[in-house]
Amino acid sequence: MKITNQTVERRTRRRLKLACDAVAFVRTSHPDTIMVAKVIDISPDGLSLSHFGNELPEHTSLEMDIVLPGGDAFLPDLRGEITWDSESNGEPKALYPKRRCGIRFGNLTDPEKSYVRSLIRHYTENNGKKDGID
């Protein structure tokens, strides 16, 4: 575990940037929220999102659908939990500030795990390498 910028790094596998724009439709029950967010990076254990609006509390359970451009890939009802949420540095202050959040995947089924690994192999800047995804 390493400490970066006053936060503790808890990831066991590195996240990989997506090579295309993917969107996540996120639903939480506490607070009752539905939002559209951009997927920034992903690993077999979780992902980070860029979104606008209010802070999402840590440990909030959620469901999300991940969609790639043109409908190339779609993963519905993926479960997870918010691990952190913060205002993006360097962004101008606005009514709805730009934020980033980290999400740890919940208990994925074997088909969901396979799909996430496939998404990483085919749609990240990893260029098909298996490094860190199995």
N, C-alpha and C. Protein backbone atom coordinates (compact mmCIF):
# COMPACT_ATOMS: atom_id res chain seq x y z
N MET A 1 0.85 -1.16 0.00
CA MET A 1 0.00 0.00 0.00
C MET A 1 0.90 1.23 0.00
N LYS A 2 0.67 2.17 -0.90
CA LYS A 2 1.47 3.39 -0.92
C LYS A 2 0.57 4.60 -0.70
N ILE A 3 1.17 5.67 -0.20
CA ILE A 3 0.43 6.89 0.05
C ILE A 3 0.76 7.89 -1.06
N THR A 4 -0.30 8.43 -1.70
CA THR A 4 -0.11 9.42 -2.76
C THR A 4 -1.04 10.59 -2.50
N ASN A 5 -0.48 11.81 -2.55
CA ASN A 5 -1.28 13.03 -2.37
C ASN A 5 -2.20 12.94 -1.15
N GLN A 6 -1.69 12.48 -0.04
CA GLN A 6 -2.43 12.40 1.22
C GLN A 6 -3.54 11.35 1.21
N THR A 7 -3.57 10.48 0.21
CA THR A 7 -4.55 9.40 0.19
C THR A 7 -3.82 8.07 0.20
N VAL A 8 -4.46 7.05 0.66
CA VAL A 8 -3.87 5.73 0.70
C VAL A 8 -4.29 4.97 -0.54
N GLU A 9 -3.32 4.46 -1.28
CA GLU A 9 -3.59 3.69 -2.49
C GLU A 9 -3.99 2.28 -2.06
N ARG A 10 -5.22 1.87 -2.40
CA ARG A 10 -5.73 0.57 -1.98
C ARG A 10 -5.84 -0.42 -3.12
N ARG A 11 -5.60 0.03 -4.35
CA ARG A 11 -5.74 -0.87 -5.49
C ARG A 11 -4.68 -1.96 -5.47
N THR A 12 -5.08 -3.16 -5.83
CA THR A 12 -4.11 -4.24 -5.95
C THR A 12 -3.68 -4.42 -7.40
N ARG A 13 -4.45 -3.90 -8.35
CA ARG A 13 -4.11 -3.94 -9.77
C ARG A 13 -4.27 -2.56 -10.37
N ARG A 14 -3.37 -2.22 -11.29
CA ARG A 14 -3.44 -0.88 -11.87
C ARG A 14 -4.64 -0.74 -12.79
N ARG A 15 -5.14 0.48 -12.87
CA ARG A 15 -6.24 0.77 -13.78
C ARG A 15 -5.66 1.19 -15.12
N LEU A 16 -6.39 0.88 -16.18
CA LEU A 16 -5.96 1.20 -17.54
C LEU A 16 -6.92 2.19 -18.16
N LYS A 17 -6.39 3.21 -18.81
CA LYS A 17 -7.22 4.22 -19.48
C LYS A 17 -7.94 3.60 -20.67
N LEU A 18 -9.18 4.01 -20.86
CA LEU A 18 -9.93 3.55 -22.02
C LEU A 18 -9.45 4.27 -23.27
N ALA A 19 -9.42 3.57 -24.38
CA ALA A 19 -8.99 4.15 -25.65
C ALA A 19 -10.16 4.77 -26.39
N CYS A 20 -11.35 4.71 -25.82
CA CYS A 20 -12.54 5.31 -26.42
C CYS A 20 -13.40 5.90 -25.30
N ASP A 21 -14.43 6.63 -25.69
CA ASP A 21 -15.32 7.22 -24.69
C ASP A 21 -16.41 6.23 -24.31
N ALA A 22 -16.38 5.79 -23.06
CA ALA A 22 -17.43 4.92 -22.55
C ALA A 22 -18.25 5.70 -21.54
N VAL A 23 -19.51 5.36 -21.44
CA VAL A 23 -20.43 6.04 -20.55
C VAL A 23 -20.98 5.03 -19.54
N ALA A 24 -21.17 5.50 -18.32
CA ALA A 24 -21.82 4.68 -17.30
C ALA A 24 -23.10 5.39 -16.86
N PHE A 25 -24.19 4.67 -16.86
CA PHE A 25 -25.45 5.14 -16.31
C PHE A 25 -25.52 4.58 -14.90
N VAL A 26 -25.41 5.45 -13.91
CA VAL A 26 -25.25 5.04 -12.51
C VAL A 26 -26.53 5.30 -11.73
N ARG A 27 -26.92 4.32 -10.92
CA ARG A 27 -28.11 4.43 -10.07
C ARG A 27 -27.72 4.08 -8.64
N THR A 28 -28.04 4.98 -7.70
CA THR A 28 -27.84 4.70 -6.28
C THR A 28 -29.16 4.89 -5.55
N SER A 29 -29.26 4.28 -4.37
CA SER A 29 -30.49 4.44 -3.60
C SER A 29 -30.29 5.38 -2.42
N HIS A 30 -29.03 5.66 -2.06
CA HIS A 30 -28.78 6.57 -0.93
C HIS A 30 -27.60 7.44 -1.23
N PRO A 31 -27.72 8.68 -1.59
CA PRO A 31 -29.00 9.32 -1.88
C PRO A 31 -29.55 8.82 -3.20
N ASP A 32 -30.84 8.98 -3.39
CA ASP A 32 -31.50 8.52 -4.61
C ASP A 32 -30.96 9.33 -5.79
N THR A 33 -30.10 8.70 -6.60
CA THR A 33 -29.40 9.40 -7.66
C THR A 33 -29.41 8.58 -8.95
N ILE A 34 -29.60 9.26 -10.05
CA ILE A 34 -29.39 8.67 -11.36
C ILE A 34 -28.50 9.66 -12.10
N MET A 35 -27.37 9.18 -12.65
CA MET A 35 -26.48 10.10 -13.35
C MET A 35 -25.80 9.41 -14.52
N VAL A 36 -25.34 10.23 -15.44
CA VAL A 36 -24.55 9.77 -16.57
C VAL A 36 -23.13 10.23 -16.30
N ALA A 37 -22.16 9.34 -16.44
CA ALA A 37 -20.76 9.68 -16.16
C ALA A 37 -19.86 9.08 -17.23
N LYS A 38 -18.70 9.67 -17.40
CA LYS A 38 -17.71 9.16 -18.36
C LYS A 38 -16.77 8.22 -17.62
N VAL A 39 -16.52 7.04 -18.20
CA VAL A 39 -15.57 6.10 -17.62
C VAL A 39 -14.16 6.57 -17.99
N ILE A 40 -13.32 6.77 -16.98
CA ILE A 40 -11.95 7.25 -17.19
C ILE A 40 -10.98 6.09 -17.34
N ASP A 41 -11.01 5.17 -16.39
CA ASP A 41 -10.13 4.01 -16.45
C ASP A 41 -10.79 2.85 -15.74
N ILE A 42 -10.21 1.65 -15.95
CA ILE A 42 -10.86 0.43 -15.46
C ILE A 42 -9.81 -0.61 -15.11
N SER A 43 -10.13 -1.47 -14.17
CA SER A 43 -9.34 -2.65 -13.83
C SER A 43 -10.34 -3.77 -13.56
N PRO A 44 -9.86 -4.99 -13.36
CA PRO A 44 -10.80 -6.07 -13.02
C PRO A 44 -11.53 -5.85 -11.71
N ASP A 45 -11.00 -4.93 -10.87
CA ASP A 45 -11.58 -4.70 -9.55
C ASP A 45 -12.50 -3.49 -9.47
N GLY A 46 -12.39 -2.56 -10.44
CA GLY A 46 -13.20 -1.36 -10.36
C GLY A 46 -12.87 -0.37 -11.47
N LEU A 47 -13.39 0.85 -11.32
CA LEU A 47 -13.16 1.88 -12.34
C LEU A 47 -13.28 3.25 -11.72
N SER A 48 -12.89 4.26 -12.49
CA SER A 48 -13.12 5.63 -12.05
C SER A 48 -13.97 6.34 -13.09
N LEU A 49 -14.77 7.28 -12.59
CA LEU A 49 -15.71 8.02 -13.43
C LEU A 49 -15.49 9.51 -13.26
N SER A 50 -15.83 10.26 -14.30
CA SER A 50 -15.90 11.71 -14.25
C SER A 50 -17.37 12.07 -14.33
N HIS A 51 -17.82 12.94 -13.41
CA HIS A 51 -19.25 13.30 -13.40
C HIS A 51 -19.42 14.73 -12.92
N PHE A 52 -20.61 15.26 -13.07
CA PHE A 52 -20.96 16.60 -12.59
C PHE A 52 -21.99 16.45 -11.48
N GLY A 53 -21.95 17.35 -10.53
CA GLY A 53 -22.98 17.35 -9.50
C GLY A 53 -22.43 17.21 -8.12
N ASN A 54 -23.26 16.67 -7.26
CA ASN A 54 -22.93 16.55 -5.84
C ASN A 54 -22.01 15.37 -5.58
N GLU A 55 -21.34 15.45 -4.44
CA GLU A 55 -20.46 14.37 -4.00
C GLU A 55 -21.28 13.12 -3.72
N LEU A 56 -20.75 11.98 -4.13
CA LEU A 56 -21.38 10.70 -3.83
C LEU A 56 -20.71 10.13 -2.58
N PRO A 57 -21.47 9.85 -1.52
CA PRO A 57 -20.87 9.39 -0.27
C PRO A 57 -20.15 8.05 -0.42
N GLU A 58 -19.01 7.93 0.27
CA GLU A 58 -18.27 6.67 0.29
C GLU A 58 -19.18 5.54 0.79
N HIS A 59 -18.92 4.35 0.29
CA HIS A 59 -19.63 3.12 0.67
C HIS A 59 -21.06 3.07 0.17
N THR A 60 -21.44 4.02 -0.70
CA THR A 60 -22.78 3.97 -1.29
C THR A 60 -22.84 2.85 -2.31
N SER A 61 -23.80 1.97 -2.18
CA SER A 61 -24.00 0.89 -3.16
C SER A 61 -24.63 1.46 -4.42
N LEU A 62 -24.33 0.83 -5.54
CA LEU A 62 -24.86 1.32 -6.80
C LEU A 62 -25.00 0.19 -7.80
N GLU A 63 -25.73 0.50 -8.85
CA GLU A 63 -25.80 -0.35 -10.05
C GLU A 63 -25.50 0.57 -11.22
N MET A 64 -24.84 0.03 -12.24
CA MET A 64 -24.55 0.85 -13.41
C MET A 64 -24.58 0.01 -14.67
N ASP A 65 -24.84 0.70 -15.77
CA ASP A 65 -24.76 0.11 -17.09
C ASP A 65 -23.58 0.78 -17.78
N ILE A 66 -22.68 0.00 -18.35
CA ILE A 66 -21.55 0.56 -19.09
C ILE A 66 -21.83 0.39 -20.58
N VAL A 67 -21.68 1.49 -21.33
CA VAL A 67 -21.97 1.48 -22.77
C VAL A 67 -20.79 2.10 -23.51
N LEU A 68 -20.34 1.43 -24.58
CA LEU A 68 -19.29 1.97 -25.44
C LEU A 68 -19.91 2.62 -26.66
N PRO A 69 -19.17 3.52 -27.32
CA PRO A 69 -19.73 4.22 -28.49
C PRO A 69 -20.27 3.26 -29.54
N GLY A 70 -21.39 3.64 -30.13
CA GLY A 70 -21.97 2.83 -31.18
C GLY A 70 -22.61 1.55 -30.68
N GLY A 71 -22.70 1.40 -29.36
CA GLY A 71 -23.29 0.19 -28.81
C GLY A 71 -22.40 -1.04 -28.99
N ASP A 72 -21.06 -0.82 -29.22
CA ASP A 72 -20.14 -1.94 -29.42
C ASP A 72 -20.15 -2.90 -28.23
N ALA A 73 -20.35 -2.36 -27.05
CA ALA A 73 -20.36 -3.19 -25.85
C ALA A 73 -21.37 -2.61 -24.87
N PHE A 74 -21.99 -3.49 -24.11
CA PHE A 74 -22.99 -3.07 -23.14
C PHE A 74 -22.98 -4.07 -21.99
N LEU A 75 -22.80 -3.55 -20.80
CA LEU A 75 -22.85 -4.40 -19.61
C LEU A 75 -23.87 -3.81 -18.65
N PRO A 76 -25.05 -4.42 -18.54
CA PRO A 76 -26.10 -3.86 -17.69
C PRO A 76 -26.02 -4.35 -16.24
N ASP A 77 -26.53 -3.52 -15.35
CA ASP A 77 -26.76 -3.89 -13.94
C ASP A 77 -25.51 -4.38 -13.22
N LEU A 78 -24.38 -3.76 -13.50
CA LEU A 78 -23.14 -4.09 -12.82
C LEU A 78 -23.18 -3.47 -11.43
N ARG A 79 -22.90 -4.26 -10.40
CA ARG A 79 -22.98 -3.77 -9.01
C ARG A 79 -21.62 -3.26 -8.53
N GLY A 80 -21.66 -2.27 -7.63
CA GLY A 80 -20.43 -1.74 -7.09
C GLY A 80 -20.68 -0.86 -5.88
N GLU A 81 -19.60 -0.21 -5.44
CA GLU A 81 -19.65 0.66 -4.27
C GLU A 81 -18.71 1.84 -4.48
N ILE A 82 -19.14 3.04 -4.09
CA ILE A 82 -18.30 4.22 -4.17
C ILE A 82 -17.18 4.10 -3.14
N THR A 83 -15.93 4.25 -3.57
CA THR A 83 -14.80 4.20 -2.64
C THR A 83 -14.26 5.59 -2.33
N TRP A 84 -14.44 6.52 -3.24
CA TRP A 84 -14.04 7.91 -3.03
C TRP A 84 -14.73 8.80 -4.05
N ASP A 85 -14.84 10.08 -3.75
CA ASP A 85 -15.41 11.06 -4.67
C ASP A 85 -14.80 12.41 -4.32
N SER A 86 -14.27 13.11 -5.31
CA SER A 86 -13.66 14.41 -5.05
C SER A 86 -13.83 15.35 -6.23
N GLU A 87 -13.77 16.64 -5.94
CA GLU A 87 -13.85 17.64 -6.99
C GLU A 87 -12.57 17.57 -7.81
N SER A 88 -12.68 17.66 -9.14
CA SER A 88 -11.51 17.61 -10.02
C SER A 88 -10.67 18.86 -9.82
N ASN A 89 -9.38 18.67 -9.67
CA ASN A 89 -8.47 19.80 -9.51
C ASN A 89 -8.33 20.55 -10.83
N GLY A 90 -8.18 21.86 -10.72
CA GLY A 90 -7.94 22.67 -11.91
C GLY A 90 -9.17 23.01 -12.72
N GLU A 91 -10.32 22.56 -12.30
CA GLU A 91 -11.55 22.86 -13.02
C GLU A 91 -12.14 24.16 -12.48
N PRO A 92 -12.67 25.02 -13.34
CA PRO A 92 -13.30 26.25 -12.84
C PRO A 92 -14.51 25.92 -11.97
N LYS A 93 -14.73 26.75 -10.97
CA LYS A 93 -15.89 26.55 -10.09
C LYS A 93 -17.17 26.80 -10.89
N ALA A 94 -18.15 25.95 -10.68
CA ALA A 94 -19.41 26.06 -11.41
C ALA A 94 -20.54 25.64 -10.49
N LEU A 95 -21.76 25.84 -10.94
CA LEU A 95 -22.93 25.43 -10.17
C LEU A 95 -22.85 23.93 -9.90
N TYR A 96 -22.49 23.16 -10.91
CA TYR A 96 -22.30 21.72 -10.76
C TYR A 96 -20.86 21.41 -11.09
N PRO A 97 -20.00 21.32 -10.08
CA PRO A 97 -18.57 21.12 -10.34
C PRO A 97 -18.28 19.75 -10.94
N LYS A 98 -17.20 19.69 -11.72
CA LYS A 98 -16.75 18.42 -12.29
C LYS A 98 -16.08 17.63 -11.17
N ARG A 99 -16.44 16.36 -11.06
CA ARG A 99 -15.94 15.50 -10.00
C ARG A 99 -15.41 14.20 -10.59
N ARG A 100 -14.62 13.49 -9.81
CA ARG A 100 -14.20 12.13 -10.15
C ARG A 100 -14.53 11.24 -8.96
N CYS A 101 -14.85 9.99 -9.27
CA CYS A 101 -15.10 9.05 -8.18
C CYS A 101 -14.54 7.68 -8.55
N GLY A 102 -14.23 6.91 -7.53
CA GLY A 102 -13.75 5.55 -7.70
C GLY A 102 -14.84 4.58 -7.29
N ILE A 103 -14.95 3.51 -8.05
CA ILE A 103 -15.96 2.49 -7.78
C ILE A 103 -15.29 1.12 -7.73
N ARG A 104 -15.55 0.39 -6.66
CA ARG A 104 -15.09 -1.00 -6.54
C ARG A 104 -16.26 -1.88 -6.96
N PHE A 105 -15.98 -2.80 -7.89
CA PHE A 105 -17.04 -3.71 -8.33
C PHE A 105 -17.50 -4.56 -7.17
N GLY A 106 -18.79 -4.91 -7.19
CA GLY A 106 -19.36 -5.81 -6.19
C GLY A 106 -19.09 -7.25 -6.58
N ASN A 107 -19.86 -8.15 -6.06
CA ASN A 107 -19.69 -9.57 -6.36
C ASN A 107 -20.10 -9.85 -7.80
N LEU A 108 -19.12 -9.80 -8.70
CA LEU A 108 -19.41 -10.03 -10.11
C LEU A 108 -19.63 -11.51 -10.38
N THR A 109 -20.54 -11.80 -11.28
CA THR A 109 -20.72 -13.17 -11.72
C THR A 109 -19.56 -13.54 -12.65
N ASP A 110 -19.37 -14.81 -12.92
CA ASP A 110 -18.30 -15.22 -13.84
C ASP A 110 -18.46 -14.59 -15.22
N PRO A 111 -19.67 -14.54 -15.79
CA PRO A 111 -19.81 -13.86 -17.09
C PRO A 111 -19.47 -12.36 -17.02
N GLU A 112 -19.82 -11.69 -15.92
CA GLU A 112 -19.48 -10.27 -15.77
C GLU A 112 -17.97 -10.08 -15.67
N LYS A 113 -17.29 -10.94 -14.90
CA LYS A 113 -15.82 -10.88 -14.80
C LYS A 113 -15.19 -11.07 -16.17
N SER A 114 -15.69 -12.03 -16.91
CA SER A 114 -15.17 -12.29 -18.26
C SER A 114 -15.38 -11.09 -19.16
N TYR A 115 -16.53 -10.46 -19.07
CA TYR A 115 -16.84 -9.30 -19.89
C TYR A 115 -15.90 -8.14 -19.55
N VAL A 116 -15.67 -7.90 -18.25
CA VAL A 116 -14.78 -6.81 -17.84
C VAL A 116 -13.37 -7.07 -18.37
N ARG A 117 -12.87 -8.30 -18.26
CA ARG A 117 -11.54 -8.64 -18.80
C ARG A 117 -11.49 -8.42 -20.31
N SER A 118 -12.56 -8.79 -21.01
CA SER A 118 -12.62 -8.59 -22.45
C SER A 118 -12.63 -7.10 -22.80
N LEU A 119 -13.40 -6.33 -22.04
CA LEU A 119 -13.45 -4.88 -22.27
C LEU A 119 -12.05 -4.28 -22.08
N ILE A 120 -11.32 -4.72 -21.07
CA ILE A 120 -9.97 -4.23 -20.82
C ILE A 120 -9.04 -4.61 -21.97
N ARG A 121 -9.12 -5.84 -22.43
CA ARG A 121 -8.25 -6.29 -23.53
C ARG A 121 -8.50 -5.53 -24.83
N HIS A 122 -9.74 -5.24 -25.13
CA HIS A 122 -10.08 -4.69 -26.43
C HIS A 122 -10.27 -3.18 -26.49
N TYR A 123 -10.52 -2.53 -25.35
CA TYR A 123 -10.88 -1.12 -25.38
C TYR A 123 -10.03 -0.22 -24.49
N THR A 124 -8.88 -0.72 -24.02
CA THR A 124 -8.00 0.14 -23.22
C THR A 124 -6.71 0.39 -23.98
N GLU A 125 -5.93 1.32 -23.45
CA GLU A 125 -4.64 1.63 -24.04
C GLU A 125 -3.60 0.57 -23.70
N ASN A 126 -4.05 -0.54 -23.14
CA ASN A 126 -3.18 -1.67 -22.80
C ASN A 126 -2.73 -2.42 -24.05
N ASN A 127 -3.36 -2.15 -25.19
CA ASN A 127 -3.02 -2.77 -26.48
C ASN A 127 -3.04 -4.30 -26.45
N GLY A 128 -4.01 -4.85 -25.75
CA GLY A 128 -4.19 -6.29 -25.76
C GLY A 128 -3.30 -7.07 -24.84
N LYS A 129 -2.39 -6.41 -24.11
CA LYS A 129 -1.51 -7.12 -23.18
C LYS A 129 -2.34 -7.63 -22.01
N LYS A 130 -1.92 -8.75 -21.45
CA LYS A 130 -2.65 -9.33 -20.34
C LYS A 130 -2.21 -8.77 -19.00
N ASP A 131 -1.19 -7.91 -19.00
CA ASP A 131 -0.61 -7.37 -17.77
C ASP A 131 -1.68 -6.82 -16.82
N GLY A 132 -1.83 -7.47 -15.68
CA GLY A 132 -2.69 -6.94 -14.63
C GLY A 132 -4.17 -7.19 -14.77
N ILE A 133 -4.61 -7.99 -15.74
CA ILE A 133 -6.05 -8.15 -15.87
C ILE A 133 -6.56 -9.52 -15.50
N ASP A 134 -5.70 -10.48 -15.31
CA ASP A 134 -6.19 -11.83 -14.94
C ASP A 134 -5.93 -12.14 -13.48
